[in-house]
PDB file of N, CA and C in Angstrom:
ATOM      1  N   MET A   1     -11.421  75.306 -80.005  1.00  0.00           N
ATOM      2  CA  MET A   1     -11.230  73.972 -79.459  1.00  0.00           C
ATOM      3  C   MET A   1     -10.424  74.015 -78.161  1.00  0.00           C
ATOM      4  N   LYS A   2      -9.425  74.912 -78.099  1.00  0.00           N
ATOM      5  CA  LYS A   2      -8.616  74.996 -76.887  1.00  0.00           C
ATOM      6  C   LYS A   2      -9.444  75.502 -75.710  1.00  0.00           C
ATOM      7  N   ASN A   3     -10.395  76.401 -75.989  1.00  0.00           N
ATOM      8  CA  ASN A   3     -11.238  76.897 -74.902  1.00  0.00           C
ATOM      9  C   ASN A   3     -12.068  75.765 -74.312  1.00  0.00           C
ATOM     10  N   LEU A   4     -12.540  74.877 -75.162  1.00  0.00           N
ATOM     11  CA  LEU A   4     -13.309  73.732 -74.688  1.00  0.00           C
ATOM     12  C   LEU A   4     -12.446  72.830 -73.806  1.00  0.00           C
ATOM     13  N   ASN A   5     -11.204  72.622 -74.197  1.00  0.00           N
ATOM     14  CA  ASN A   5     -10.296  71.802 -73.398  1.00  0.00           C
ATOM     15  C   ASN A   5     -10.017  72.438 -72.044  1.00  0.00           C
ATOM     16  N   ILE A   6      -9.879  73.758 -72.009  1.00  0.00           N
ATOM     17  CA  ILE A   6      -9.653  74.455 -70.747  1.00  0.00           C
ATOM     18  C   ILE A   6     -10.871  74.311 -69.845  1.00  0.00           C
ATOM     19  N   ILE A   7     -12.043  74.471 -70.423  1.00  0.00           N
ATOM     20  CA  ILE A   7     -13.282  74.349 -69.649  1.00  0.00           C
ATOM     21  C   ILE A   7     -13.435  72.932 -69.106  1.00  0.00           C
ATOM     22  N   LEU A   8     -13.186  71.933 -69.932  1.00  0.00           N
ATOM     23  CA  LEU A   8     -13.311  70.546 -69.492  1.00  0.00           C
ATOM     24  C   LEU A   8     -12.279  70.190 -68.421  1.00  0.00           C
ATOM     25  N   SER A   9     -11.073  70.697 -68.545  1.00  0.00           N
ATOM     26  CA  SER A   9     -10.055  70.442 -67.525  1.00  0.00           C
ATOM     27  C   SER A   9     -10.438  71.097 -66.203  1.00  0.00           C
ATOM     28  N   SER A  10     -10.970  72.292 -66.278  1.00  0.00           N
ATOM     29  CA  SER A  10     -11.405  72.984 -65.059  1.00  0.00           C
ATOM     30  C   SER A  10     -12.565  72.249 -64.406  1.00  0.00           C
ATOM     31  N   LEU A  11     -13.495  71.787 -65.216  1.00  0.00           N
ATOM     32  CA  LEU A  11     -14.630  71.035 -64.697  1.00  0.00           C
ATOM     33  C   LEU A  11     -14.170  69.728 -64.059  1.00  0.00           C
ATOM     34  N   THR A  12     -13.208  69.072 -64.667  1.00  0.00           N
ATOM     35  CA  THR A  12     -12.667  67.840 -64.103  1.00  0.00           C
ATOM     36  C   THR A  12     -11.966  68.111 -62.775  1.00  0.00           C
ATOM     37  N   ALA A  13     -11.293  69.252 -62.674  1.00  0.00           N
ATOM     38  CA  ALA A  13     -10.640  69.610 -61.410  1.00  0.00           C
ATOM     39  C   ALA A  13     -11.686  69.800 -60.309  1.00  0.00           C
ATOM     40  N   LEU A  14     -12.779  70.469 -60.618  1.00  0.00           N
ATOM     41  CA  LEU A  14     -13.839  70.652 -59.627  1.00  0.00           C
ATOM     42  C   LEU A  14     -14.473  69.319 -59.233  1.00  0.00           C
ATOM     43  N   LEU A  15     -14.670  68.457 -60.197  1.00  0.00           N
ATOM     44  CA  LEU A  15     -15.228  67.140 -59.897  1.00  0.00           C
ATOM     45  C   LEU A  15     -14.251  66.307 -59.065  1.00  0.00           C
ATOM     46  N   GLY A  16     -12.965  66.492 -59.279  1.00  0.00           N
ATOM     47  CA  GLY A  16     -11.967  65.812 -58.455  1.00  0.00           C
ATOM     48  C   GLY A  16     -12.079  66.224 -56.998  1.00  0.00           C
ATOM     49  N   LEU A  17     -12.332  67.513 -56.760  1.00  0.00           N
ATOM     50  CA  LEU A  17     -12.542  67.962 -55.382  1.00  0.00           C
ATOM     51  C   LEU A  17     -13.793  67.337 -54.790  1.00  0.00           C
ATOM     52  N   LEU A  18     -14.851  67.256 -55.580  1.00  0.00           N
ATOM     53  CA  LEU A  18     -16.078  66.629 -55.088  1.00  0.00           C
ATOM     54  C   LEU A  18     -15.861  65.156 -54.760  1.00  0.00           C
ATOM     55  N   VAL A  19     -15.093  64.480 -55.588  1.00  0.00           N
ATOM     56  CA  VAL A  19     -14.783  63.067 -55.310  1.00  0.00           C
ATOM     57  C   VAL A  19     -13.991  62.954 -54.017  1.00  0.00           C
ATOM     58  N   GLY A  20     -13.051  63.865 -53.807  1.00  0.00           N
ATOM     59  CA  GLY A  20     -12.215  63.811 -52.619  1.00  0.00           C
ATOM     60  C   GLY A  20     -12.977  64.019 -51.321  1.00  0.00           C
ATOM     61  N   ILE A  21     -13.972  64.882 -51.342  1.00  0.00           N
ATOM     62  CA  ILE A  21     -14.711  65.150 -50.109  1.00  0.00           C
ATOM     63  C   ILE A  21     -15.952  64.281 -49.954  1.00  0.00           C
ATOM     64  N   ALA A  22     -16.272  63.501 -50.945  1.00  0.00           N
ATOM     65  CA  ALA A  22     -17.501  62.693 -50.918  1.00  0.00           C
ATOM     66  C   ALA A  22     -17.605  61.763 -49.714  1.00  0.00           C
ATOM     67  N   PRO A  23     -16.571  60.999 -49.354  1.00  0.00           N
ATOM     68  CA  PRO A  23     -16.742  60.071 -48.238  1.00  0.00           C
ATOM     69  C   PRO A  23     -16.905  60.771 -46.883  1.00  0.00           C
ATOM     70  N   TYR A  24     -16.608  62.043 -46.836  1.00  0.00           N
ATOM     71  CA  TYR A  24     -16.687  62.765 -45.567  1.00  0.00           C
ATOM     72  C   TYR A  24     -17.912  63.672 -45.483  1.00  0.00           C
ATOM     73  N   THR A  25     -18.631  63.848 -46.588  1.00  0.00           N
ATOM     74  CA  THR A  25     -19.769  64.774 -46.578  1.00  0.00           C
ATOM     75  C   THR A  25     -21.056  64.071 -46.982  1.00  0.00           C
ATOM     76  N   PHE A  26     -21.314  63.982 -48.271  1.00  0.00           N
ATOM     77  CA  PHE A  26     -22.627  63.515 -48.730  1.00  0.00           C
ATOM     78  C   PHE A  26     -22.710  62.018 -48.996  1.00  0.00           C
ATOM     79  N   ALA A  27     -21.618  61.325 -49.112  1.00  0.00           N
ATOM     80  CA  ALA A  27     -21.630  59.874 -49.294  1.00  0.00           C
ATOM     81  C   ALA A  27     -20.820  59.260 -48.161  1.00  0.00           C
ATOM     82  N   LYS A  28     -21.331  59.339 -46.979  1.00  0.00           N
ATOM     83  CA  LYS A  28     -20.589  58.950 -45.777  1.00  0.00           C
ATOM     84  C   LYS A  28     -20.245  57.460 -45.783  1.00  0.00           C
ATOM     85  N   VAL A  29     -19.064  57.187 -45.243  1.00  0.00           N
ATOM     86  CA  VAL A  29     -18.668  55.802 -45.028  1.00  0.00           C
ATOM     87  C   VAL A  29     -19.163  55.383 -43.653  1.00  0.00           C
ATOM     88  N   CYS A  30     -19.015  54.131 -43.329  1.00  0.00           N
ATOM     89  CA  CYS A  30     -19.489  53.648 -42.035  1.00  0.00           C
ATOM     90  C   CYS A  30     -18.752  54.355 -40.895  1.00  0.00           C
ATOM     91  N   LYS A  31     -19.369  54.372 -39.729  1.00  0.00           N
ATOM     92  CA  LYS A  31     -18.816  55.132 -38.610  1.00  0.00           C
ATOM     93  C   LYS A  31     -17.915  54.320 -37.689  1.00  0.00           C
ATOM     94  N   MET A  32     -17.865  53.015 -37.893  1.00  0.00           N
ATOM     95  CA  MET A  32     -16.977  52.189 -37.063  1.00  0.00           C
ATOM     96  C   MET A  32     -15.534  52.381 -37.519  1.00  0.00           C
ATOM     97  N   ALA A  33     -14.700  52.835 -36.617  1.00  0.00           N
ATOM     98  CA  ALA A  33     -13.312  53.148 -36.964  1.00  0.00           C
ATOM     99  C   ALA A  33     -12.500  51.914 -37.347  1.00  0.00           C
ATOM    100  N   SER A  34     -12.944  50.745 -36.935  1.00  0.00           N
ATOM    101  CA  SER A  34     -12.178  49.532 -37.240  1.00  0.00           C
ATOM    102  C   SER A  34     -12.562  48.900 -38.579  1.00  0.00           C
ATOM    103  N   MET A  35     -13.580  49.410 -39.215  1.00  0.00           N
ATOM    104  CA  MET A  35     -14.040  48.829 -40.481  1.00  0.00           C
ATOM    105  C   MET A  35     -13.140  49.259 -41.642  1.00  0.00           C
ATOM    106  N   HIS A  36     -13.056  48.378 -42.634  1.00  0.00           N
ATOM    107  CA  HIS A  36     -12.226  48.616 -43.810  1.00  0.00           C
ATOM    108  C   HIS A  36     -12.663  49.867 -44.567  1.00  0.00           C
ATOM    109  N   CYS A  37     -13.968  50.090 -44.661  1.00  0.00           N
ATOM    110  CA  CYS A  37     -14.457  51.248 -45.414  1.00  0.00           C
ATOM    111  C   CYS A  37     -14.041  52.557 -44.746  1.00  0.00           C
ATOM    112  N   HIS A  38     -13.896  52.546 -43.449  1.00  0.00           N
ATOM    113  CA  HIS A  38     -13.507  53.764 -42.729  1.00  0.00           C
ATOM    114  C   HIS A  38     -11.992  53.961 -42.734  1.00  0.00           C
ATOM    115  N   LYS A  39     -11.243  52.882 -42.574  1.00  0.00           N
ATOM    116  CA  LYS A  39      -9.789  52.965 -42.469  1.00  0.00           C
ATOM    117  C   LYS A  39      -9.093  53.091 -43.814  1.00  0.00           C
ATOM    118  N   VAL A  40      -9.609  52.430 -44.840  1.00  0.00           N
ATOM    119  CA  VAL A  40      -8.890  52.349 -46.112  1.00  0.00           C
ATOM    120  C   VAL A  40      -9.607  53.092 -47.234  1.00  0.00           C
ATOM    121  N   THR A  41     -10.882  52.852 -47.385  1.00  0.00           N
ATOM    122  CA  THR A  41     -11.598  53.385 -48.539  1.00  0.00           C
ATOM    123  C   THR A  41     -11.688  54.903 -48.518  1.00  0.00           C
ATOM    124  N   ALA A  42     -12.075  55.486 -47.400  1.00  0.00           N
ATOM    125  CA  ALA A  42     -12.237  56.942 -47.336  1.00  0.00           C
ATOM    126  C   ALA A  42     -10.919  57.681 -47.607  1.00  0.00           C
ATOM    127  N   PRO A  43      -9.800  57.312 -46.974  1.00  0.00           N
ATOM    128  CA  PRO A  43      -8.548  58.009 -47.302  1.00  0.00           C
ATOM    129  C   PRO A  43      -8.087  57.784 -48.744  1.00  0.00           C
ATOM    130  N   THR A  44      -8.348  56.590 -49.287  1.00  0.00           N
ATOM    131  CA  THR A  44      -7.961  56.312 -50.670  1.00  0.00           C
ATOM    132  C   THR A  44      -8.748  57.181 -51.634  1.00  0.00           C
ATOM    133  N   VAL A  45     -10.042  57.316 -51.403  1.00  0.00           N
ATOM    134  CA  VAL A  45     -10.866  58.164 -52.260  1.00  0.00           C
ATOM    135  C   VAL A  45     -10.411  59.617 -52.150  1.00  0.00           C
ATOM    136  N   LEU A  46     -10.055  60.054 -50.957  1.00  0.00           N
ATOM    137  CA  LEU A  46      -9.550  61.413 -50.765  1.00  0.00           C
ATOM    138  C   LEU A  46      -8.266  61.641 -51.555  1.00  0.00           C
ATOM    139  N   VAL A  47      -7.338  60.702 -51.480  1.00  0.00           N
ATOM    140  CA  VAL A  47      -6.069  60.836 -52.202  1.00  0.00           C
ATOM    141  C   VAL A  47      -6.296  60.872 -53.701  1.00  0.00           C
ATOM    142  N   PHE A  48      -7.141  59.990 -54.211  1.00  0.00           N
ATOM    143  CA  PHE A  48      -7.410  59.990 -55.655  1.00  0.00           C
ATOM    144  C   PHE A  48      -8.144  61.250 -56.092  1.00  0.00           C
ATOM    145  N   GLY A  49      -9.037  61.756 -55.271  1.00  0.00           N
ATOM    146  CA  GLY A  49      -9.721  63.005 -55.595  1.00  0.00           C
ATOM    147  C   GLY A  49      -8.756  64.166 -55.680  1.00  0.00           C
ATOM    148  N   ILE A  50      -7.820  64.233 -54.737  1.00  0.00           N
ATOM    149  CA  ILE A  50      -6.811  65.295 -54.767  1.00  0.00           C
ATOM    150  C   ILE A  50      -5.900  65.128 -55.976  1.00  0.00           C
ATOM    151  N   LEU A  51      -5.551  63.896 -56.290  1.00  0.00           N
ATOM    152  CA  LEU A  51      -4.713  63.628 -57.461  1.00  0.00           C
ATOM    153  C   LEU A  51      -5.413  64.059 -58.748  1.00  0.00           C
ATOM    154  N   ILE A  52      -6.691  63.742 -58.882  1.00  0.00           N
ATOM    155  CA  ILE A  52      -7.462  64.169 -60.046  1.00  0.00           C
ATOM    156  C   ILE A  52      -7.483  65.689 -60.127  1.00  0.00           C
ATOM    157  N   PHE A  53      -7.693  66.340 -58.974  1.00  0.00           N
ATOM    158  CA  PHE A  53      -7.733  67.803 -58.948  1.00  0.00           C
ATOM    159  C   PHE A  53      -6.409  68.403 -59.396  1.00  0.00           C
ATOM    160  N   VAL A  54      -5.310  67.916 -58.852  1.00  0.00           N
ATOM    161  CA  VAL A  54      -3.997  68.490 -59.162  1.00  0.00           C
ATOM    162  C   VAL A  54      -3.649  68.318 -60.630  1.00  0.00           C
ATOM    163  N   ILE A  55      -3.861  67.125 -61.162  1.00  0.00           N
ATOM    164  CA  ILE A  55      -3.530  66.875 -62.573  1.00  0.00           C
ATOM    165  C   ILE A  55      -4.408  67.707 -63.494  1.00  0.00           C
ATOM    166  N   SER A  56      -5.693  67.771 -63.213  1.00  0.00           N
ATOM    167  CA  SER A  56      -6.605  68.535 -64.063  1.00  0.00           C
ATOM    168  C   SER A  56      -6.341  70.032 -63.981  1.00  0.00           C
ATOM    169  N   ALA A  57      -6.058  70.521 -62.777  1.00  0.00           N
ATOM    170  CA  ALA A  57      -5.751  71.940 -62.627  1.00  0.00           C
ATOM    171  C   ALA A  57      -4.450  72.290 -63.351  1.00  0.00           C
ATOM    172  N   ALA A  58      -3.456  71.430 -63.251  1.00  0.00           N
ATOM    173  CA  ALA A  58      -2.190  71.671 -63.954  1.00  0.00           C
ATOM    174  C   ALA A  58      -2.406  71.675 -65.463  1.00  0.00           C
ATOM    175  N   GLN A  59      -3.215  70.761 -65.946  1.00  0.00           N
ATOM    176  CA  GLN A  59      -3.502  70.719 -67.381  1.00  0.00           C
ATOM    177  C   GLN A  59      -4.248  71.974 -67.815  1.00  0.00           C
ATOM    178  N   ALA A  60      -5.210  72.439 -67.031  1.00  0.00           N
ATOM    179  CA  ALA A  60      -5.952  73.649 -67.373  1.00  0.00           C
ATOM    180  C   ALA A  60      -5.025  74.859 -67.402  1.00  0.00           C
ATOM    181  N   ILE A  61      -4.103  74.932 -66.438  1.00  0.00           N
ATOM    182  CA  ILE A  61      -3.164  76.060 -66.404  1.00  0.00           C
ATOM    183  C   ILE A  61      -2.233  76.020 -67.611  1.00  0.00           C
ATOM    184  N   LEU A  62      -1.735  74.845 -67.933  1.00  0.00           N
ATOM    185  CA  LEU A  62      -0.840  74.732 -69.110  1.00  0.00           C
ATOM    186  C   LEU A  62      -1.574  75.088 -70.399  1.00  0.00           C
ATOM    187  N   LEU A  63      -2.811  74.639 -70.538  1.00  0.00           N
ATOM    188  CA  LEU A  63      -3.585  74.977 -71.729  1.00  0.00           C
ATOM    189  C   LEU A  63      -3.886  76.469 -71.779  1.00  0.00           C
ATOM    190  N   TRP A  64      -4.124  77.067 -70.622  1.00  0.00           N
ATOM    191  CA  TRP A  64      -4.399  78.503 -70.579  1.00  0.00           C
ATOM    192  C   TRP A  64      -3.168  79.311 -71.013  1.00  0.00           C
ATOM    193  N   LYS A  65      -1.975  78.865 -70.595  1.00  0.00           N
ATOM    194  CA  LYS A  65      -0.749  79.573 -70.947  1.00  0.00           C
ATOM    195  C   LYS A  65      -0.399  79.414 -72.425  1.00  0.00           C
ATOM    196  N   LYS A  66      -0.798  78.299 -73.034  1.00  0.00           N
ATOM    197  CA  LYS A  66      -0.483  78.038 -74.442  1.00  0.00           C
ATOM    198  C   LYS A  66      -1.404  78.795 -75.408  1.00  0.00           C
ATOM    199  N   ARG A  67      -2.486  79.345 -74.904  1.00  0.00           N
ATOM    200  CA  ARG A  67      -3.432  80.039 -75.795  1.00  0.00           C
ATOM    201  C   ARG A  67      -2.804  81.151 -76.547  1.00  0.00           C
TER     202      ARG A  67
END
């Protein structure tokens, strides 16, 4: 069961990175610099993606050490 939790935490960390880079790569936001989606949404998604990555990676490392 612990191995499954480690795998799921690692997968969530990778998905967090994908969420973070999404507005800048494959799910582009609008190109007008003055628009709300460009000024607010893209940086917010990046911050939340990094936050998801950090928390999930920390959880995977802690679970790995507890094995």
